[in-house]
Amino acid sequence: MVGDLTIGGRLMKTATRATRASGPSVVVSVHDVAPAHLAEIRSLLSQLDELNVRPRSLLVIPFAQGQDDIRHCPELVDLLHQEIQRGSEVILHGYTHRRVEAWRGSPLTRARAALFARQVAEFASTAWPEQRARLLAGRALLQDIGIEVSGFCPPGWLSTPELPELLRETGFRYLVAMSWVQDLEHGRRIPTPWLGYIGAGRLHEELVRIGAALLSPWRQRSRAISVFLHPQGASQSPACARVLLELARLLRDRRPVTYDELLDWPS
């Protein structure tokens, strides 16, 4: 009987999540969650609260810059647990979020790293044994603070081709790319055309704005879209303010969901 109730509860929860995410949806993610950005992260979350954006996705760097151990920042640990209790998800976002060696991957990946992620393309600058070690180490640090993760987003959304298989091998459920979320269990991609703020200076923000404008027709017809926010300089940035205004408009017709919830969509 207990087993039946457990299974029934899981089925009911899955059905509820699938219903919730089946309509027009928006995944709102806060990237680069690390101790050094705590003040700006609080500010962003406060602005999202004002827009009634819950749940949201928090992309956490467990050992930022190779020295900023999240376990040594109790204020951030408490904040993450509060967010989880309110329905948000935590996603592993690299280990150090720093470039390690020469860039790897396809010519397009290397070009994107050079243009947009020169110092942060961690998983496009390591061979697979090091990537595997960093995935395990990052997840272990989050487990040490009582947080389990099933999703991964490489810094800069950049990685080498072997990453999906490494994630499956190490027990992750999904991979967040810039324009889709990859369901690793079922081998499918769910499109998430985007707009957002990357916190990287006026020229880069303008390029992101142009890219988002080009994606506008795709976003309009897509069931799910992604709005990403980075904490660097967010509170003083007109570009970030513009994205938040656009998010407010999108929320008239779309409901916030997590990447994890999108996996419950029917194929």
C-alpha atoms as a PDB file:
ATOM      1  CA  MET A   1       0.000   0.000   0.000  1.00  0.00           C
ATOM      2  CA  VAL A   2       2.767   2.435   0.892  1.00  0.00           C
ATOM      3  CA  GLY A   3       4.495   1.643  -2.390  1.00  0.00           C
ATOM      4  CA  ASP A   4       1.244   2.245  -4.296  1.00  0.00           C
ATOM      5  CA  LEU A   5       0.731   5.562  -2.545  1.00  0.00           C
ATOM      6  CA  THR A   6       4.305   6.597  -3.312  1.00  0.00           C
ATOM      7  CA  ILE A   7       3.958   5.696  -6.974  1.00  0.00           C
ATOM      8  CA  GLY A   8       0.569   7.411  -7.156  1.00  0.00           C
ATOM      9  CA  GLY A   9       2.002  10.524  -5.551  1.00  0.00           C
ATOM     10  CA  ARG A  10       4.837  10.635  -8.027  1.00  0.00           C
ATOM     11  CA  LEU A  11       2.440  10.191 -10.962  1.00  0.00           C
ATOM     12  CA  MET A  12       0.191  12.948  -9.635  1.00  0.00           C
ATOM     13  CA  LYS A  13       3.154  15.290  -9.157  1.00  0.00           C
ATOM     14  CA  THR A  14       4.410  14.554 -12.672  1.00  0.00           C
ATOM     15  CA  ALA A  15       0.949  15.120 -14.137  1.00  0.00           C
ATOM     16  CA  THR A  16       0.601  18.418 -12.278  1.00  0.00           C
ATOM     17  CA  ARG A  17       4.017  19.583 -13.473  1.00  0.00           C
ATOM     18  CA  ALA A  18       3.262  18.553 -17.048  1.00  0.00           C
ATOM     19  CA  THR A  19      -0.028  20.463 -16.989  1.00  0.00           C
ATOM     20  CA  ARG A  20       1.666  23.490 -15.483  1.00  0.00           C
ATOM     21  CA  ALA A  21       4.405  23.582 -18.135  1.00  0.00           C
ATOM     22  CA  SER A  22       2.309  22.552 -21.130  1.00  0.00           C
ATOM     23  CA  GLY A  23       1.056  26.033 -21.952  1.00  0.00           C
ATOM     24  CA  PRO A  24       3.134  29.048 -23.023  1.00  0.00           C
ATOM     25  CA  SER A  25       6.022  29.135 -20.587  1.00  0.00           C
ATOM     26  CA  VAL A  26       9.136  31.103 -19.703  1.00  0.00           C
ATOM     27  CA  VAL A  27      12.207  29.837 -17.869  1.00  0.00           C
ATOM     28  CA  VAL A  28      13.871  32.691 -15.985  1.00  0.00           C
ATOM     29  CA  SER A  29      17.433  31.896 -14.951  1.00  0.00           C
ATOM     30  CA  VAL A  30      19.944  33.772 -12.807  1.00  0.00           C
ATOM     31  CA  HIS A  31      23.480  32.804 -13.827  1.00  0.00           C
ATOM     32  CA  ASP A  32      26.845  32.958 -12.041  1.00  0.00           C
ATOM     33  CA  VAL A  33      25.423  32.449  -8.569  1.00  0.00           C
ATOM     34  CA  ALA A  34      28.525  32.686  -6.386  1.00  0.00           C
ATOM     35  CA  PRO A  35      29.580  34.471  -3.170  1.00  0.00           C
ATOM     36  CA  ALA A  36      31.258  37.387  -4.982  1.00  0.00           C
ATOM     37  CA  HIS A  37      27.936  38.332  -6.610  1.00  0.00           C
ATOM     38  CA  LEU A  38      25.677  37.908  -3.581  1.00  0.00           C
ATOM     39  CA  ALA A  39      24.495  41.533  -3.387  1.00  0.00           C
ATOM     40  CA  GLU A  40      23.566  41.705  -7.071  1.00  0.00           C
ATOM     41  CA  ILE A  41      21.913  38.277  -6.895  1.00  0.00           C
ATOM     42  CA  ARG A  42      19.716  39.465  -4.033  1.00  0.00           C
ATOM     43  CA  SER A  43      18.819  42.548  -6.066  1.00  0.00           C
ATOM     44  CA  LEU A  44      17.878  40.489  -9.130  1.00  0.00           C
ATOM     45  CA  LEU A  45      15.786  38.071  -7.082  1.00  0.00           C
ATOM     46  CA  SER A  46      14.010  40.998  -5.439  1.00  0.00           C
ATOM     47  CA  GLN A  47      13.122  42.429  -8.854  1.00  0.00           C
ATOM     48  CA  LEU A  48      11.890  39.017  -9.974  1.00  0.00           C
ATOM     49  CA  ASP A  49       9.754  38.847  -6.827  1.00  0.00           C
ATOM     50  CA  GLU A  50       8.163  42.151  -7.815  1.00  0.00           C
ATOM     51  CA  LEU A  51       7.249  40.588 -11.146  1.00  0.00           C
ATOM     52  CA  ASN A  52       5.936  37.467  -9.362  1.00  0.00           C
ATOM     53  CA  VAL A  53       8.463  35.263 -11.157  1.00  0.00           C
ATOM     54  CA  ARG A  54       8.417  31.948  -9.349  1.00  0.00           C
ATOM     55  CA  PRO A  55       9.828  29.417  -9.773  1.00  0.00           C
ATOM     56  CA  ARG A  56      13.182  30.411 -11.251  1.00  0.00           C
ATOM     57  CA  SER A  57      16.416  28.637 -12.087  1.00  0.00           C
ATOM     58  CA  LEU A  58      19.637  29.438 -10.216  1.00  0.00           C
ATOM     59  CA  LEU A  59      22.885  28.490 -11.957  1.00  0.00           C
ATOM     60  CA  VAL A  60      25.448  27.971  -9.200  1.00  0.00           C
ATOM     61  CA  ILE A  61      29.251  28.036  -9.443  1.00  0.00           C
ATOM     62  CA  PRO A  62      30.436  25.917  -6.489  1.00  0.00           C
ATOM     63  CA  PHE A  63      34.129  26.915  -6.565  1.00  0.00           C
ATOM     64  CA  ALA A  64      34.197  30.201  -8.478  1.00  0.00           C
ATOM     65  CA  GLN A  65      37.563  31.358  -9.814  1.00  0.00           C
ATOM     66  CA  GLY A  66      39.116  28.256  -8.228  1.00  0.00           C
ATOM     67  CA  GLN A  67      39.068  29.852  -4.780  1.00  0.00           C
ATOM     68  CA  ASP A  68      35.542  31.003  -3.858  1.00  0.00           C
ATOM     69  CA  ASP A  69      34.127  27.914  -2.129  1.00  0.00           C
ATOM     70  CA  ILE A  70      30.363  28.230  -1.765  1.00  0.00           C
ATOM     71  CA  ARG A  71      30.490  26.289   1.504  1.00  0.00           C
ATOM     72  CA  HIS A  72      32.234  29.270   3.100  1.00  0.00           C
ATOM     73  CA  CYS A  73      29.353  31.650   2.375  1.00  0.00           C
ATOM     74  CA  PRO A  74      26.482  30.761   4.735  1.00  0.00           C
ATOM     75  CA  GLU A  75      24.402  33.725   3.526  1.00  0.00           C
ATOM     76  CA  LEU A  76      24.332  32.329  -0.007  1.00  0.00           C
ATOM     77  CA  VAL A  77      23.735  28.786   1.220  1.00  0.00           C
ATOM     78  CA  ASP A  78      20.728  29.984   3.213  1.00  0.00           C
ATOM     79  CA  LEU A  79      19.436  31.920   0.212  1.00  0.00           C
ATOM     80  CA  LEU A  80      19.645  28.851  -2.018  1.00  0.00           C
ATOM     81  CA  HIS A  81      17.732  26.715   0.467  1.00  0.00           C
ATOM     82  CA  GLN A  82      15.050  29.393   0.750  1.00  0.00           C
ATOM     83  CA  GLU A  83      14.738  29.464  -3.030  1.00  0.00           C
ATOM     84  CA  ILE A  84      14.436  25.688  -3.232  1.00  0.00           C
ATOM     85  CA  GLN A  85      11.711  25.704  -0.573  1.00  0.00           C
ATOM     86  CA  ARG A  86       9.786  28.174  -2.734  1.00  0.00           C
ATOM     87  CA  GLY A  87       9.974  25.933  -5.796  1.00  0.00           C
ATOM     88  CA  SER A  88      13.087  27.160  -7.595  1.00  0.00           C
ATOM     89  CA  GLU A  89      15.700  24.823  -9.028  1.00  0.00           C
ATOM     90  CA  VAL A  90      19.489  24.818  -8.638  1.00  0.00           C
ATOM     91  CA  ILE A  91      21.622  23.914 -11.651  1.00  0.00           C
ATOM     92  CA  LEU A  92      25.358  23.219 -11.600  1.00  0.00           C
ATOM     93  CA  HIS A  93      27.104  25.908 -13.648  1.00  0.00           C
ATOM     94  CA  GLY A  94      30.629  24.617 -14.146  1.00  0.00           C
ATOM     95  CA  TYR A  95      33.079  24.120 -11.300  1.00  0.00           C
ATOM     96  CA  THR A  96      35.288  27.232 -11.357  1.00  0.00           C
ATOM     97  CA  HIS A  97      33.699  29.032 -14.341  1.00  0.00           C
ATOM     98  CA  ARG A  98      37.207  29.754 -15.618  1.00  0.00           C
ATOM     99  CA  ARG A  99      39.036  28.820 -18.789  1.00  0.00           C
ATOM    100  CA  VAL A 100      41.615  26.102 -18.143  1.00  0.00           C
ATOM    101  CA  GLU A 101      43.581  25.297 -21.299  1.00  0.00           C
ATOM    102  CA  ALA A 102      43.351  25.994 -25.043  1.00  0.00           C
ATOM    103  CA  TRP A 103      39.849  26.063 -26.465  1.00  0.00           C
ATOM    104  CA  ARG A 104      38.446  22.789 -27.728  1.00  0.00           C
ATOM    105  CA  GLY A 105      35.390  21.730 -29.682  1.00  0.00           C
ATOM    106  CA  SER A 106      33.989  22.722 -33.052  1.00  0.00           C
ATOM    107  CA  PRO A 107      35.152  25.813 -34.973  1.00  0.00           C
ATOM    108  CA  LEU A 108      31.868  27.511 -34.015  1.00  0.00           C
ATOM    109  CA  THR A 109      32.407  26.720 -30.324  1.00  0.00           C
ATOM    110  CA  ARG A 110      35.932  28.125 -30.452  1.00  0.00           C
ATOM    111  CA  ALA A 111      34.739  31.265 -32.235  1.00  0.00           C
ATOM    112  CA  ARG A 112      31.990  31.846 -29.667  1.00  0.00           C
ATOM    113  CA  ALA A 113      34.498  31.322 -26.872  1.00  0.00           C
ATOM    114  CA  ALA A 114      36.852  33.877 -28.392  1.00  0.00           C
ATOM    115  CA  LEU A 115      34.112  36.463 -28.880  1.00  0.00           C
ATOM    116  CA  PHE A 116      31.921  36.034 -25.829  1.00  0.00           C
ATOM    117  CA  ALA A 117      33.569  33.803 -23.218  1.00  0.00           C
ATOM    118  CA  ARG A 118      37.284  34.396 -23.485  1.00  0.00           C
ATOM    119  CA  GLN A 119      38.031  33.765 -19.813  1.00  0.00           C
ATOM    120  CA  VAL A 120      35.094  31.598 -18.748  1.00  0.00           C
ATOM    121  CA  ALA A 121      34.675  28.771 -21.287  1.00  0.00           C
ATOM    122  CA  GLU A 122      35.610  26.122 -18.720  1.00  0.00           C
ATOM    123  CA  PHE A 123      34.012  23.116 -20.433  1.00  0.00           C
ATOM    124  CA  ALA A 124      35.290  24.143 -23.855  1.00  0.00           C
ATOM    125  CA  SER A 125      38.871  24.246 -22.570  1.00  0.00           C
ATOM    126  CA  THR A 126      39.265  20.858 -20.862  1.00  0.00           C
ATOM    127  CA  ALA A 127      39.531  17.262 -22.064  1.00  0.00           C
ATOM    128  CA  TRP A 128      36.862  14.775 -21.028  1.00  0.00           C
ATOM    129  CA  PRO A 129      38.685  13.227 -17.992  1.00  0.00           C
ATOM    130  CA  GLU A 130      39.019  16.691 -16.442  1.00  0.00           C
ATOM    131  CA  GLN A 131      35.437  17.541 -17.333  1.00  0.00           C
ATOM    132  CA  ARG A 132      34.248  14.392 -15.594  1.00  0.00           C
ATOM    133  CA  ALA A 133      36.278  15.214 -12.488  1.00  0.00           C
ATOM    134  CA  ARG A 134      34.852  18.734 -12.375  1.00  0.00           C
ATOM    135  CA  LEU A 135      31.277  17.517 -12.750  1.00  0.00           C
ATOM    136  CA  LEU A 136      31.722  15.137  -9.826  1.00  0.00           C
ATOM    137  CA  ALA A 137      33.563  17.694  -7.688  1.00  0.00           C
ATOM    138  CA  GLY A 138      30.997  20.406  -8.323  1.00  0.00           C
ATOM    139  CA  ARG A 139      28.079  18.154  -7.485  1.00  0.00           C
ATOM    140  CA  ALA A 140      29.864  16.967  -4.337  1.00  0.00           C
ATOM    141  CA  LEU A 141      30.348  20.547  -3.103  1.00  0.00           C
ATOM    142  CA  LEU A 142      26.644  21.219  -3.524  1.00  0.00           C
ATOM    143  CA  GLN A 143      25.797  17.966  -1.765  1.00  0.00           C
ATOM    144  CA  ASP A 144      27.954  19.146   1.135  1.00  0.00           C
ATOM    145  CA  ILE A 145      25.551  22.070   1.609  1.00  0.00           C
ATOM    146  CA  GLY A 146      22.512  19.813   1.284  1.00  0.00           C
ATOM    147  CA  ILE A 147      21.620  20.519  -2.342  1.00  0.00           C
ATOM    148  CA  GLU A 148      21.121  17.839  -4.998  1.00  0.00           C
ATOM    149  CA  VAL A 149      21.292  18.810  -8.662  1.00  0.00           C
ATOM    150  CA  SER A 150      20.166  16.998 -11.795  1.00  0.00           C
ATOM    151  CA  GLY A 151      20.874  19.704 -14.377  1.00  0.00           C
ATOM    152  CA  PHE A 152      24.064  21.215 -15.772  1.00  0.00           C
ATOM    153  CA  CYS A 153      24.790  24.347 -17.784  1.00  0.00           C
ATOM    154  CA  PRO A 154      28.381  24.848 -18.987  1.00  0.00           C
ATOM    155  CA  PRO A 155      29.766  28.377 -18.570  1.00  0.00           C
ATOM    156  CA  GLY A 156      29.050  30.449 -21.656  1.00  0.00           C
ATOM    157  CA  TRP A 157      26.807  27.561 -22.809  1.00  0.00           C
ATOM    158  CA  LEU A 158      30.001  26.205 -24.415  1.00  0.00           C
ATOM    159  CA  SER A 159      31.268  22.629 -24.304  1.00  0.00           C
ATOM    160  CA  THR A 160      32.960  19.875 -26.266  1.00  0.00           C
ATOM    161  CA  PRO A 161      30.887  17.137 -27.981  1.00  0.00           C
ATOM    162  CA  GLU A 162      31.422  14.496 -25.300  1.00  0.00           C
ATOM    163  CA  LEU A 163      29.645  16.471 -22.559  1.00  0.00           C
ATOM    164  CA  PRO A 164      26.116  14.982 -22.966  1.00  0.00           C
ATOM    165  CA  GLU A 165      27.466  11.443 -22.625  1.00  0.00           C
ATOM    166  CA  LEU A 166      29.554  12.457 -19.600  1.00  0.00           C
ATOM    167  CA  LEU A 167      26.463  13.945 -17.989  1.00  0.00           C
ATOM    168  CA  ARG A 168      24.457  10.768 -18.606  1.00  0.00           C
ATOM    169  CA  GLU A 169      27.291   8.668 -17.201  1.00  0.00           C
ATOM    170  CA  THR A 170      27.512  10.751 -14.050  1.00  0.00           C
ATOM    171  CA  GLY A 171      23.764  10.752 -13.413  1.00  0.00           C
ATOM    172  CA  PHE A 172      22.634  14.163 -14.615  1.00  0.00           C
ATOM    173  CA  ARG A 173      19.147  14.427 -16.089  1.00  0.00           C
ATOM    174  CA  TYR A 174      19.436  17.424 -18.405  1.00  0.00           C
ATOM    175  CA  LEU A 175      21.838  19.817 -20.121  1.00  0.00           C
ATOM    176  CA  VAL A 176      20.982  23.492 -20.497  1.00  0.00           C
ATOM    177  CA  ALA A 177      22.204  24.951 -23.786  1.00  0.00           C
ATOM    178  CA  MET A 178      21.635  28.500 -24.953  1.00  0.00           C
ATOM    179  CA  SER A 179      18.644  27.712 -27.188  1.00  0.00           C
ATOM    180  CA  TRP A 180      17.368  24.404 -25.841  1.00  0.00           C
ATOM    181  CA  VAL A 181      17.337  22.050 -22.882  1.00  0.00           C
ATOM    182  CA  GLN A 182      18.513  18.519 -23.664  1.00  0.00           C
ATOM    183  CA  ASP A 183      16.651  15.666 -22.008  1.00  0.00           C
ATOM    184  CA  LEU A 184      19.513  13.223 -21.464  1.00  0.00           C
ATOM    185  CA  GLU A 185      17.306  10.304 -20.488  1.00  0.00           C
ATOM    186  CA  HIS A 186      15.118  10.380 -23.579  1.00  0.00           C
ATOM    187  CA  GLY A 187      17.572  11.892 -26.035  1.00  0.00           C
ATOM    188  CA  ARG A 188      15.450  14.870 -27.073  1.00  0.00           C
ATOM    189  CA  ARG A 189      15.895  18.622 -27.223  1.00  0.00           C
ATOM    190  CA  ILE A 190      13.228  21.077 -26.122  1.00  0.00           C
ATOM    191  CA  PRO A 191      13.670  24.453 -27.847  1.00  0.00           C
ATOM    192  CA  THR A 192      13.997  27.535 -25.617  1.00  0.00           C
ATOM    193  CA  PRO A 193      14.650  30.592 -27.812  1.00  0.00           C
ATOM    194  CA  TRP A 194      16.083  33.321 -25.638  1.00  0.00           C
ATOM    195  CA  LEU A 195      16.633  36.893 -24.657  1.00  0.00           C
ATOM    196  CA  GLY A 196      18.734  38.138 -21.797  1.00  0.00           C
ATOM    197  CA  TYR A 197      21.471  40.133 -20.101  1.00  0.00           C
ATOM    198  CA  ILE A 198      25.034  38.764 -19.953  1.00  0.00           C
ATOM    199  CA  GLY A 199      26.748  41.421 -17.821  1.00  0.00           C
ATOM    200  CA  ALA A 200      29.688  41.867 -20.172  1.00  0.00           C
ATOM    201  CA  GLY A 201      29.815  45.478 -21.340  1.00  0.00           C
ATOM    202  CA  ARG A 202      27.929  47.669 -23.810  1.00  0.00           C
ATOM    203  CA  LEU A 203      29.183  46.098 -27.049  1.00  0.00           C
ATOM    204  CA  HIS A 204      28.415  42.554 -25.938  1.00  0.00           C
ATOM    205  CA  GLU A 205      24.985  43.562 -24.636  1.00  0.00           C
ATOM    206  CA  GLU A 206      24.211  45.155 -27.997  1.00  0.00           C
ATOM    207  CA  LEU A 207      25.197  41.955 -29.796  1.00  0.00           C
ATOM    208  CA  VAL A 208      22.968  39.966 -27.444  1.00  0.00           C
ATOM    209  CA  ARG A 209      20.114  42.413 -28.079  1.00  0.00           C
ATOM    210  CA  ILE A 210      20.514  41.999 -31.843  1.00  0.00           C
ATOM    211  CA  GLY A 211      20.599  38.222 -31.488  1.00  0.00           C
ATOM    212  CA  ALA A 212      17.437  38.277 -29.390  1.00  0.00           C
ATOM    213  CA  ALA A 213      15.714  40.507 -31.943  1.00  0.00           C
ATOM    214  CA  LEU A 214      16.514  38.029 -34.699  1.00  0.00           C
ATOM    215  CA  LEU A 215      14.989  35.249 -32.581  1.00  0.00           C
ATOM    216  CA  SER A 216      11.765  37.166 -31.938  1.00  0.00           C
ATOM    217  CA  PRO A 217       9.659  35.273 -34.545  1.00  0.00           C
ATOM    218  CA  TRP A 218      10.862  31.952 -33.094  1.00  0.00           C
ATOM    219  CA  ARG A 219      10.056  33.071 -29.545  1.00  0.00           C
ATOM    220  CA  GLN A 220       6.542  34.112 -30.534  1.00  0.00           C
ATOM    221  CA  ARG A 221       5.649  30.644 -31.796  1.00  0.00           C
ATOM    222  CA  SER A 222       7.599  28.619 -29.197  1.00  0.00           C
ATOM    223  CA  ARG A 223       5.862  27.019 -26.230  1.00  0.00           C
ATOM    224  CA  ALA A 224       8.878  27.725 -23.998  1.00  0.00           C
ATOM    225  CA  ILE A 225      11.355  30.572 -24.031  1.00  0.00           C
ATOM    226  CA  SER A 226      14.372  31.394 -21.892  1.00  0.00           C
ATOM    227  CA  VAL A 227      15.184  34.706 -20.194  1.00  0.00           C
ATOM    228  CA  PHE A 228      18.652  34.736 -18.645  1.00  0.00           C
ATOM    229  CA  LEU A 229      20.109  37.294 -16.253  1.00  0.00           C
ATOM    230  CA  HIS A 230      23.690  37.679 -15.047  1.00  0.00           C
ATOM    231  CA  PRO A 231      24.459  39.554 -11.817  1.00  0.00           C
ATOM    232  CA  GLN A 232      27.525  41.480 -13.003  1.00  0.00           C
ATOM    233  CA  GLY A 233      26.533  45.164 -12.986  1.00  0.00           C
ATOM    234  CA  ALA A 234      22.851  44.280 -13.223  1.00  0.00           C
ATOM    235  CA  SER A 235      21.493  46.899 -10.828  1.00  0.00           C
ATOM    236  CA  GLN A 236      23.066  49.773 -12.816  1.00  0.00           C
ATOM    237  CA  SER A 237      22.586  48.410 -16.312  1.00  0.00           C
ATOM    238  CA  PRO A 238      20.041  49.863 -18.773  1.00  0.00           C
ATOM    239  CA  ALA A 239      20.405  46.618 -20.753  1.00  0.00           C
ATOM    240  CA  CYS A 240      19.301  44.561 -17.742  1.00  0.00           C
ATOM    241  CA  ALA A 241      16.430  46.968 -17.056  1.00  0.00           C
ATOM    242  CA  ARG A 242      15.299  46.569 -20.666  1.00  0.00           C
ATOM    243  CA  VAL A 243      15.278  42.773 -20.351  1.00  0.00           C
ATOM    244  CA  LEU A 244      13.240  42.956 -17.144  1.00  0.00           C
ATOM    245  CA  LEU A 245      10.696  45.182 -18.873  1.00  0.00           C
ATOM    246  CA  GLU A 246      10.432  42.686 -21.712  1.00  0.00           C
ATOM    247  CA  LEU A 247      10.036  39.883 -19.169  1.00  0.00           C
ATOM    248  CA  ALA A 248       7.136  41.747 -17.559  1.00  0.00           C
ATOM    249  CA  ARG A 249       5.449  41.899 -20.957  1.00  0.00           C
ATOM    250  CA  LEU A 250       6.022  38.187 -21.580  1.00  0.00           C
ATOM    251  CA  LEU A 251       4.466  37.296 -18.232  1.00  0.00           C
ATOM    252  CA  ARG A 252       1.089  38.537 -19.447  1.00  0.00           C
ATOM    253  CA  ASP A 253       0.820  35.407 -21.597  1.00  0.00           C
ATOM    254  CA  ARG A 254       3.381  33.007 -20.155  1.00  0.00           C
ATOM    255  CA  ARG A 255       3.872  31.358 -16.807  1.00  0.00           C
ATOM    256  CA  PRO A 256       7.277  30.812 -15.157  1.00  0.00           C
ATOM    257  CA  VAL A 257       8.563  27.239 -15.044  1.00  0.00           C
ATOM    258  CA  THR A 258      11.901  25.548 -14.431  1.00  0.00           C
ATOM    259  CA  TYR A 259      14.024  23.673 -16.953  1.00  0.00           C
ATOM    260  CA  ASP A 260      13.323  20.524 -14.967  1.00  0.00           C
ATOM    261  CA  GLU A 261       9.584  20.999 -15.465  1.00  0.00           C
ATOM    262  CA  LEU A 262      10.001  21.188 -19.231  1.00  0.00           C
ATOM    263  CA  LEU A 263      11.217  17.584 -19.205  1.00  0.00           C
ATOM    264  CA  ASP A 264       7.704  16.503 -18.255  1.00  0.00           C
ATOM    265  CA  TRP A 265       6.310  17.829 -21.514  1.00  0.00           C
ATOM    266  CA  PRO A 266       5.003  15.075 -23.800  1.00  0.00           C
ATOM    267  CA  SER A 267       7.327  14.234 -26.678  1.00  0.00           C
END
